[in-house]
Amino acid sequence: MTTITRTELAARIAADIPEGSYVNLGIGAPTLVANYLPADQEIILHTENGLLGMGQAPEAEKVDPDLINAGKQAVTALPGAAYFHHADSFGMMRGGHLDVCVLGAFQVSQTGDLANWSTGAPGAIPAVGGAMDLAIGAKSVYVMTDLLTKTGESKLVAACTYPLTGVGCVTRVYTDHAVFDVTPDGFAVRETFGDTTVEDLEELTGLTLTDATRDAAAAASTKD
C-alpha cells in the first residue's frame, strides 16, 4: 500500500485550510503545517503561549530564542503579529474564536472522540494541558497522525481505550494512508493515496468504512 511522508501530509493539510482562518497547530508534527501554507493567502496562526500571527520555522541563523511556540520550538512572527497573556490565549481557544486546530492523536474513535495526551504508560505527561481546550473550542478539529502504531495497531478505533482529550470533537483525520471524515455513520474515506483501497483500510483498521471517494467521483461524473 502507498503511504506519504509526514511533510507531504503536512502540505496536504495546509491545502485544506480555508483562507482567512484562525488556526492553532498542536505540538509535534502539526507544527509542520505552518511551512506549507500558501503564501498568497492570509491564514493567521495562533499559539497557546500567547502569539497571533506566527510564521513558519526560522532558518538556523535567524532563530530568536525568545520567540517560541507552545512546544518550545523556534518560530517566526509575521508583520502585524500580536503578543498577549496566556489567559487571553486560552480565552480565544475556549471562546470559539479559532476556525481550525490541527492535533496529533493516539486514538480517534468512529464517533469523533479524541485521545491524544496519554497512553497510561510510565513516564507519560501528567496532564492533558491545552489540548482539551483546543479540541472543544475550535470550530473544526483536524487530526494529523500515522494510521498505525509502531506495533501495527490502528489508531482509528470503534471506541477509545486511552484517556480522552475531547468527546465527539474530531472533524477529519489525516493519515499517511488516507484522509477520513468523521460522520454520523462513522469514518468515511475522503481520499486515498496511491494504490491504497478502501478495502485495504478496512483490513488495517478492522472497521466498516464509507467510501466517500466513490461518492465524490459519482457526483463529479453526474455534474459533467
Protein backbone atom coordinates (compact mmCIF):
# COMPACT_ATOMS: atom_id res chain seq x y z
CA MET A 1 0.00 0.00 0.00
CA THR A 2 1.11 3.54 -0.77
CA THR A 3 1.87 5.88 2.10
CA ILE A 4 3.00 9.50 2.12
CA THR A 5 5.63 11.18 4.27
CA ARG A 6 4.95 13.42 7.23
CA THR A 7 5.97 16.51 5.27
CA GLU A 8 3.72 15.52 2.38
CA LEU A 9 0.89 15.05 4.85
CA ALA A 10 1.54 18.49 6.33
CA ALA A 11 1.30 20.01 2.86
CA ARG A 12 -1.93 18.10 2.23
CA ILE A 13 -3.47 19.52 5.42
CA ALA A 14 -2.29 23.04 4.61
CA ALA A 15 -4.12 22.87 1.27
CA ASP A 16 -7.42 22.24 3.08
CA ILE A 17 -7.28 25.21 5.46
CA PRO A 18 -9.60 27.96 4.17
CA GLU A 19 -8.23 31.43 3.53
CA GLY A 20 -8.93 33.83 6.36
CA SER A 21 -8.89 31.12 9.02
CA TYR A 22 -7.52 31.50 12.53
CA VAL A 23 -5.60 28.29 13.17
CA ASN A 24 -3.76 26.59 16.03
CA LEU A 25 -1.17 23.91 15.24
CA GLY A 26 -0.67 21.41 18.05
CA ILE A 27 2.64 20.29 19.50
CA GLY A 28 4.73 17.91 17.38
CA ALA A 29 4.05 17.01 13.76
CA PRO A 30 1.16 19.50 13.28
CA THR A 31 3.64 22.40 13.51
CA LEU A 32 4.99 21.31 10.09
CA VAL A 33 1.76 22.60 8.51
CA ALA A 34 3.00 26.18 9.00
CA ASN A 35 5.74 25.58 6.43
CA TYR A 36 3.26 24.74 3.65
CA LEU A 37 0.54 27.37 3.97
CA PRO A 38 0.00 29.19 0.65
CA ALA A 39 1.99 32.41 0.56
CA ASP A 40 -0.77 34.19 -1.37
CA GLN A 41 -3.42 33.50 1.29
CA GLU A 42 -3.99 35.06 4.70
CA ILE A 43 -4.14 32.30 7.30
CA ILE A 44 -3.43 33.51 10.83
CA LEU A 45 -1.66 31.13 13.19
CA HIS A 46 -2.28 31.19 16.94
CA THR A 47 -0.12 29.64 19.67
CA GLU A 48 -1.49 28.94 23.13
CA ASN A 49 1.51 30.56 24.81
CA GLY A 50 0.42 33.96 23.50
CA LEU A 51 1.17 34.77 19.85
CA LEU A 52 -1.20 35.55 16.99
CA GLY A 53 0.46 35.84 13.60
CA MET A 54 3.05 33.07 13.85
CA GLY A 55 5.09 32.29 10.74
CA GLN A 56 6.97 29.19 9.64
CA ALA A 57 10.07 27.78 11.31
CA PRO A 58 13.09 30.13 11.03
CA GLU A 59 16.35 29.38 9.29
CA ALA A 60 19.04 28.25 11.72
CA GLU A 61 20.93 31.54 11.63
CA LYS A 62 17.75 33.55 12.28
CA VAL A 63 16.48 31.76 15.40
CA ASP A 64 15.29 34.09 18.17
CA PRO A 65 15.48 32.12 21.46
CA ASP A 66 12.72 34.29 22.95
CA LEU A 67 10.28 33.51 20.13
CA ILE A 68 8.83 30.01 20.54
CA ASN A 69 5.57 28.12 20.18
CA ALA A 70 3.80 26.05 22.84
CA GLY A 71 6.11 23.13 22.13
CA LYS A 72 9.17 25.33 22.78
CA GLN A 73 10.17 25.20 19.10
CA ALA A 74 11.63 28.32 17.50
CA VAL A 75 9.13 30.17 15.30
CA THR A 76 8.88 33.43 13.38
CA ALA A 77 6.41 36.27 13.76
CA LEU A 78 4.79 37.81 10.69
CA PRO A 79 4.30 41.58 10.24
CA GLY A 80 1.38 42.66 12.42
CA ALA A 81 1.78 39.78 14.90
CA ALA A 82 0.39 40.30 18.40
CA TYR A 83 1.58 39.02 21.78
CA PHE A 84 -0.71 38.55 24.77
CA HIS A 85 -1.16 36.89 28.15
CA HIS A 86 -1.54 33.13 28.41
CA ALA A 87 -5.00 33.58 29.93
CA ASP A 88 -6.13 35.69 26.97
CA SER A 89 -4.86 32.97 24.63
CA PHE A 90 -6.97 30.37 26.40
CA GLY A 91 -9.92 32.74 26.24
CA MET A 92 -9.56 32.72 22.46
CA MET A 93 -9.43 28.93 22.42
CA ARG A 94 -12.34 28.37 24.79
CA GLY A 95 -14.43 31.16 23.31
CA GLY A 96 -14.75 29.56 19.88
CA HIS A 97 -12.52 32.08 18.12
CA LEU A 98 -10.36 29.52 16.30
CA ASP A 99 -11.59 28.19 12.98
CA VAL A 100 -9.27 25.17 12.80
CA CYS A 101 -6.87 23.33 15.05
CA VAL A 102 -4.56 20.53 13.96
CA LEU A 103 -3.72 17.99 16.67
CA GLY A 104 -1.86 14.70 16.91
CA ALA A 105 -3.54 11.56 18.24
CA PHE A 106 -3.01 8.22 19.92
CA GLN A 107 -6.59 7.19 19.05
CA VAL A 108 -9.65 8.60 17.32
CA SER A 109 -12.98 6.83 17.68
CA GLN A 110 -15.55 6.45 14.92
CA THR A 111 -17.78 8.88 16.85
CA GLY A 112 -15.07 11.55 16.82
CA ASP A 113 -13.68 11.11 20.34
CA LEU A 114 -10.02 12.09 20.63
CA ALA A 115 -7.30 10.60 22.86
CA ASN A 116 -4.01 12.39 22.33
CA TRP A 117 -2.31 13.08 25.64
CA SER A 118 -1.66 9.78 27.43
CA THR A 119 -1.45 6.06 26.83
CA GLY A 120 -1.17 5.40 30.54
CA ALA A 121 2.41 4.23 30.12
CA PRO A 122 5.02 5.05 32.79
CA GLY A 123 6.65 8.40 32.18
CA ALA A 124 3.70 9.82 30.23
CA ILE A 125 2.97 13.53 30.57
CA PRO A 126 0.96 14.15 33.74
CA ALA A 127 -1.98 16.14 32.38
CA VAL A 128 -3.93 16.92 29.23
CA GLY A 129 -2.89 20.59 29.05
CA GLY A 130 -4.39 22.92 26.44
CA ALA A 131 -5.27 20.13 24.01
CA MET A 132 -8.71 19.73 25.62
CA ASP A 133 -9.44 23.44 25.17
CA LEU A 134 -8.41 23.30 21.52
CA ALA A 135 -10.34 20.10 20.81
CA ILE A 136 -13.60 21.52 22.14
CA GLY A 137 -13.12 25.20 21.31
CA ALA A 138 -12.08 25.09 17.64
CA LYS A 139 -14.80 25.05 15.00
CA SER A 140 -13.03 22.28 13.05
CA VAL A 141 -10.59 19.78 14.54
CA TYR A 142 -8.17 18.13 12.12
CA VAL A 143 -6.06 15.23 13.37
CA MET A 144 -2.63 14.52 11.85
CA THR A 145 -1.28 11.06 12.62
CA ASP A 146 0.06 7.81 11.26
CA LEU A 147 -2.75 5.33 10.67
CA LEU A 148 -0.93 2.59 12.59
CA THR A 149 1.12 2.49 15.77
CA LYS A 150 4.70 1.21 15.71
CA THR A 151 3.32 -2.21 16.62
CA GLY A 152 0.81 -2.20 13.77
CA GLU A 153 -2.37 -1.35 15.67
CA SER A 154 -4.90 1.03 14.15
CA LYS A 155 -5.23 4.49 15.67
CA LEU A 156 -8.75 4.65 14.25
CA VAL A 157 -10.92 2.63 16.61
CA ALA A 158 -14.52 1.81 17.42
CA ALA A 159 -14.06 3.29 20.91
CA CYS A 160 -11.02 4.90 22.54
CA THR A 161 -9.28 2.93 25.27
CA TYR A 162 -6.89 5.73 26.30
CA PRO A 163 -7.85 8.77 28.43
CA LEU A 164 -9.94 11.18 26.37
CA THR A 165 -8.95 14.67 25.33
CA GLY A 166 -12.40 15.51 23.97
CA VAL A 167 -15.70 13.82 23.14
CA GLY A 168 -17.18 13.93 19.63
CA CYS A 169 -14.83 16.73 18.63
CA VAL A 170 -12.87 15.47 15.60
CA THR A 171 -13.90 16.68 12.15
CA ARG A 172 -11.32 14.99 9.92
CA VAL A 173 -8.34 12.65 10.27
CA TYR A 174 -5.29 12.94 8.00
CA THR A 175 -3.09 9.85 8.00
CA ASP A 176 -0.16 8.55 5.96
CA HIS A 177 -2.53 6.10 4.21
CA ALA A 178 -5.68 8.16 3.61
CA VAL A 179 -7.89 11.04 4.73
CA PHE A 180 -11.03 10.27 6.73
CA ASP A 181 -14.07 12.36 7.63
CA VAL A 182 -15.96 11.68 10.87
CA THR A 183 -19.65 11.32 10.03
CA PRO A 184 -22.78 10.22 11.91
CA ASP A 185 -22.23 6.81 10.29
CA GLY A 186 -18.59 6.50 11.34
CA PHE A 187 -15.44 7.09 9.30
CA ALA A 188 -15.81 8.00 5.63
CA VAL A 189 -12.74 7.66 3.41
CA ARG A 190 -12.35 11.06 1.79
CA GLU A 191 -9.13 10.39 -0.12
CA THR A 192 -6.69 7.52 -0.55
CA PHE A 193 -3.04 7.72 -1.60
CA GLY A 194 -1.57 5.78 -4.49
CA ASP A 195 -2.82 2.21 -4.78
CA THR A 196 -4.39 2.04 -1.31
CA THR A 197 -8.04 0.94 -1.43
CA VAL A 198 -10.93 1.27 0.99
CA GLU A 199 -10.82 -2.50 1.40
CA ASP A 200 -7.16 -2.24 2.44
CA LEU A 201 -8.09 0.38 5.02
CA GLU A 202 -10.90 -1.75 6.40
CA GLU A 203 -8.48 -4.61 6.85
CA LEU A 204 -5.95 -2.37 8.63
CA THR A 205 -8.47 -0.70 10.93
CA GLY A 206 -10.95 -3.53 11.47
CA LEU A 207 -13.74 -1.00 10.89
CA THR A 208 -16.54 -0.71 8.36
CA LEU A 209 -15.78 2.40 6.32
CA THR A 210 -17.90 4.51 3.98
CA ASP A 211 -16.31 5.06 0.57
CA ALA A 212 -16.72 8.81 0.12
CA THR A 213 -14.18 8.77 -2.72
CA ARG A 214 -16.60 6.73 -4.82
CA ASP A 215 -19.50 9.02 -3.92
CA ALA A 216 -17.45 12.10 -4.86
CA ALA A 217 -16.45 10.56 -8.18
CA ALA A 218 -20.06 9.67 -8.95
CA ALA A 219 -21.20 13.21 -8.14
CA ALA A 220 -18.49 14.69 -10.38
CA SER A 221 -19.46 12.36 -13.21
CA THR A 222 -23.12 13.34 -12.90
CA LYS A 223 -22.21 17.03 -12.90
CA ASP A 224 -20.15 16.59 -16.08
